[in-house]
Amino acid sequence: MEVMTRAFTFSDSSASKEDENYRIFSLLENAEEEKERQIASILSWEIDIIYKILLDSDLGSSLPLSQADFGLVV
């Protein structure tokens, strides 16, 4: 009986560790994806501003930095 209990405990512990490892892996993948999305968003905003400056266009129609999609608060 004790051997069966130890085997079950080991199996349960192993399954819990696998579950925890998957959650950590998933969080890291999502963080990397979010980082790439934020970089793309800030580069798009930056290109829009530079383009308007070079063309002497009105900057008033551009979103201010505090309201841009990448969520930077100034």
N, C-alpha and C. Protein backbone atom coordinates (compact mmCIF):
# COMPACT_ATOMS: atom_id res chain seq x y z
N MET A 1 0.83 -1.19 0.00
CA MET A 1 0.00 0.00 0.00
C MET A 1 0.87 1.26 0.00
N GLU A 2 1.94 1.22 0.80
CA GLU A 2 2.82 2.39 0.89
C GLU A 2 3.50 2.67 -0.45
N VAL A 3 3.86 1.62 -1.15
CA VAL A 3 4.50 1.78 -2.46
C VAL A 3 3.53 2.43 -3.44
N MET A 4 2.28 2.02 -3.40
CA MET A 4 1.27 2.60 -4.29
C MET A 4 1.06 4.08 -3.96
N THR A 5 1.06 4.41 -2.66
CA THR A 5 0.88 5.80 -2.24
C THR A 5 2.04 6.66 -2.72
N ARG A 6 3.26 6.15 -2.56
CA ARG A 6 4.44 6.89 -3.02
C ARG A 6 4.43 7.08 -4.53
N ALA A 7 4.05 6.03 -5.25
CA ALA A 7 3.99 6.12 -6.71
C ALA A 7 2.96 7.16 -7.14
N PHE A 8 1.80 7.17 -6.48
CA PHE A 8 0.77 8.14 -6.82
C PHE A 8 1.24 9.56 -6.51
N THR A 9 1.87 9.73 -5.34
CA THR A 9 2.37 11.05 -4.94
C THR A 9 3.41 11.55 -5.92
N PHE A 10 4.32 10.67 -6.32
CA PHE A 10 5.36 11.04 -7.29
C PHE A 10 4.73 11.42 -8.62
N SER A 11 3.75 10.63 -9.07
CA SER A 11 3.07 10.90 -10.33
C SER A 11 2.31 12.22 -10.27
N ASP A 12 1.63 12.45 -9.16
CA ASP A 12 0.86 13.68 -8.99
C ASP A 12 1.79 14.89 -8.94
N SER A 13 2.91 14.76 -8.24
CA SER A 13 3.89 15.83 -8.15
C SER A 13 4.49 16.13 -9.52
N SER A 14 4.78 15.08 -10.27
CA SER A 14 5.34 15.24 -11.62
C SER A 14 4.35 15.96 -12.54
N ALA A 15 3.09 15.59 -12.45
CA ALA A 15 2.06 16.23 -13.27
C ALA A 15 1.92 17.70 -12.89
N SER A 16 2.00 18.00 -11.59
CA SER A 16 1.91 19.39 -11.15
C SER A 16 3.07 20.22 -11.67
N LYS A 17 4.27 19.64 -11.64
CA LYS A 17 5.44 20.35 -12.15
C LYS A 17 5.33 20.60 -13.65
N GLU A 18 4.83 19.62 -14.38
CA GLU A 18 4.63 19.79 -15.82
C GLU A 18 3.63 20.91 -16.09
N ASP A 19 2.57 20.93 -15.31
CA ASP A 19 1.54 21.96 -15.45
C ASP A 19 2.13 23.35 -15.16
N GLU A 20 2.91 23.44 -14.10
CA GLU A 20 3.53 24.71 -13.73
C GLU A 20 4.53 25.15 -14.80
N ASN A 21 5.32 24.22 -15.31
CA ASN A 21 6.28 24.55 -16.37
C ASN A 21 5.57 25.05 -17.62
N TYR A 22 4.44 24.44 -17.97
CA TYR A 22 3.69 24.89 -19.14
C TYR A 22 3.15 26.30 -18.93
N ARG A 23 2.65 26.59 -17.73
CA ARG A 23 2.14 27.94 -17.45
C ARG A 23 3.24 28.98 -17.56
N ILE A 24 4.41 28.67 -17.04
CA ILE A 24 5.54 29.61 -17.12
C ILE A 24 5.94 29.81 -18.58
N PHE A 25 6.03 28.72 -19.34
CA PHE A 25 6.37 28.81 -20.76
C PHE A 25 5.35 29.67 -21.50
N SER A 26 4.08 29.46 -21.21
CA SER A 26 3.01 30.22 -21.85
C SER A 26 3.12 31.70 -21.53
N LEU A 27 3.40 32.03 -20.27
CA LEU A 27 3.56 33.43 -19.87
C LEU A 27 4.73 34.08 -20.60
N LEU A 28 5.83 33.36 -20.71
CA LEU A 28 7.01 33.91 -21.40
C LEU A 28 6.73 34.13 -22.88
N GLU A 29 6.00 33.19 -23.50
CA GLU A 29 5.65 33.35 -24.91
C GLU A 29 4.75 34.57 -25.10
N ASN A 30 3.77 34.73 -24.23
CA ASN A 30 2.86 35.87 -24.33
C ASN A 30 3.59 37.19 -24.08
N ALA A 31 4.54 37.18 -23.17
CA ALA A 31 5.31 38.40 -22.89
C ALA A 31 6.14 38.80 -24.11
N GLU A 32 6.74 37.82 -24.77
CA GLU A 32 7.55 38.11 -25.96
C GLU A 32 6.66 38.64 -27.09
N GLU A 33 5.49 38.06 -27.24
CA GLU A 33 4.54 38.52 -28.26
C GLU A 33 4.09 39.95 -27.98
N GLU A 34 3.79 40.24 -26.73
CA GLU A 34 3.37 41.59 -26.34
C GLU A 34 4.49 42.59 -26.56
N LYS A 35 5.72 42.19 -26.26
CA LYS A 35 6.87 43.07 -26.48
C LYS A 35 6.99 43.43 -27.96
N GLU A 36 6.86 42.44 -28.84
CA GLU A 36 6.94 42.68 -30.28
C GLU A 36 5.81 43.59 -30.75
N ARG A 37 4.62 43.38 -30.20
CA ARG A 37 3.47 44.21 -30.58
C ARG A 37 3.71 45.66 -30.16
N GLN A 38 4.24 45.86 -28.96
CA GLN A 38 4.52 47.21 -28.47
C GLN A 38 5.60 47.89 -29.32
N ILE A 39 6.64 47.16 -29.68
CA ILE A 39 7.70 47.72 -30.52
C ILE A 39 7.14 48.14 -31.87
N ALA A 40 6.33 47.29 -32.48
CA ALA A 40 5.73 47.62 -33.77
C ALA A 40 4.84 48.86 -33.66
N SER A 41 4.11 48.96 -32.58
CA SER A 41 3.21 50.09 -32.38
C SER A 41 3.98 51.40 -32.22
N ILE A 42 5.03 51.39 -31.42
CA ILE A 42 5.80 52.63 -31.22
C ILE A 42 6.54 53.02 -32.49
N LEU A 43 7.03 52.05 -33.25
CA LEU A 43 7.70 52.38 -34.51
C LEU A 43 6.72 52.97 -35.52
N SER A 44 5.51 52.45 -35.55
CA SER A 44 4.49 52.99 -36.44
C SER A 44 4.15 54.43 -36.06
N TRP A 45 4.01 54.69 -34.77
CA TRP A 45 3.72 56.05 -34.29
C TRP A 45 4.88 56.98 -34.64
N GLU A 46 6.11 56.51 -34.44
CA GLU A 46 7.30 57.31 -34.71
C GLU A 46 7.40 57.65 -36.20
N ILE A 47 7.16 56.68 -37.06
CA ILE A 47 7.22 56.91 -38.50
C ILE A 47 6.17 57.93 -38.92
N ASP A 48 4.98 57.84 -38.34
CA ASP A 48 3.92 58.79 -38.66
C ASP A 48 4.34 60.22 -38.29
N ILE A 49 4.93 60.39 -37.11
CA ILE A 49 5.37 61.72 -36.66
C ILE A 49 6.50 62.24 -37.56
N ILE A 50 7.49 61.41 -37.83
CA ILE A 50 8.62 61.84 -38.67
C ILE A 50 8.14 62.21 -40.07
N TYR A 51 7.24 61.42 -40.63
CA TYR A 51 6.69 61.70 -41.95
C TYR A 51 5.99 63.06 -41.97
N LYS A 52 5.21 63.34 -40.94
CA LYS A 52 4.51 64.63 -40.89
C LYS A 52 5.47 65.79 -40.70
N ILE A 53 6.53 65.59 -39.93
CA ILE A 53 7.54 66.65 -39.75
C ILE A 53 8.25 66.93 -41.07
N LEU A 54 8.64 65.89 -41.78
CA LEU A 54 9.35 66.07 -43.04
C LEU A 54 8.50 66.75 -44.10
N LEU A 55 7.20 66.53 -44.07
CA LEU A 55 6.30 67.13 -45.05
C LEU A 55 5.72 68.46 -44.58
N ASP A 56 6.19 68.95 -43.44
CA ASP A 56 5.64 70.16 -42.83
C ASP A 56 4.12 70.07 -42.69
N SER A 57 3.66 68.90 -42.36
CA SER A 57 2.23 68.67 -42.18
C SER A 57 1.82 69.05 -40.75
N ASP A 58 0.52 69.17 -40.55
CA ASP A 58 -0.01 69.53 -39.23
C ASP A 58 0.14 68.34 -38.27
N LEU A 59 0.83 68.55 -37.17
CA LEU A 59 1.01 67.49 -36.17
C LEU A 59 -0.20 67.36 -35.25
N GLY A 60 -1.12 68.29 -35.35
CA GLY A 60 -2.30 68.26 -34.49
C GLY A 60 -3.17 67.04 -34.71
N SER A 61 -3.12 66.46 -35.90
CA SER A 61 -3.95 65.29 -36.17
C SER A 61 -3.31 64.00 -35.66
N SER A 62 -2.06 64.07 -35.20
CA SER A 62 -1.38 62.89 -34.66
C SER A 62 -1.77 62.69 -33.20
N LEU A 63 -1.77 61.43 -32.80
CA LEU A 63 -2.05 61.14 -31.39
C LEU A 63 -0.88 61.60 -30.54
N PRO A 64 -1.17 62.24 -29.41
CA PRO A 64 -0.08 62.58 -28.49
C PRO A 64 0.53 61.29 -27.91
N LEU A 65 1.74 61.40 -27.44
CA LEU A 65 2.45 60.24 -26.90
C LEU A 65 1.66 59.54 -25.80
N SER A 66 0.98 60.30 -24.98
CA SER A 66 0.23 59.71 -23.87
C SER A 66 -1.01 58.94 -24.32
N GLN A 67 -1.47 59.15 -25.56
CA GLN A 67 -2.66 58.45 -26.06
C GLN A 67 -2.33 57.43 -27.14
N ALA A 68 -1.05 57.21 -27.39
CA ALA A 68 -0.65 56.26 -28.43
C ALA A 68 -0.99 54.82 -28.01
N ASP A 69 -1.05 53.92 -29.00
CA ASP A 69 -1.47 52.54 -28.76
C ASP A 69 -0.52 51.75 -27.87
N PHE A 70 0.73 52.14 -27.79
CA PHE A 70 1.68 51.35 -27.04
C PHE A 70 1.62 51.60 -25.54
N GLY A 71 0.75 52.49 -25.12
CA GLY A 71 0.44 52.64 -23.70
C GLY A 71 1.48 53.34 -22.84
N LEU A 72 2.33 54.15 -23.43
CA LEU A 72 3.32 54.88 -22.65
C LEU A 72 2.65 56.09 -22.03
N VAL A 73 2.81 56.25 -20.74
CA VAL A 73 2.20 57.38 -20.05
C VAL A 73 3.30 58.36 -19.67
N VAL A 74 3.10 59.60 -20.10
CA VAL A 74 4.07 60.66 -19.77
C VAL A 74 3.38 61.75 -19.00
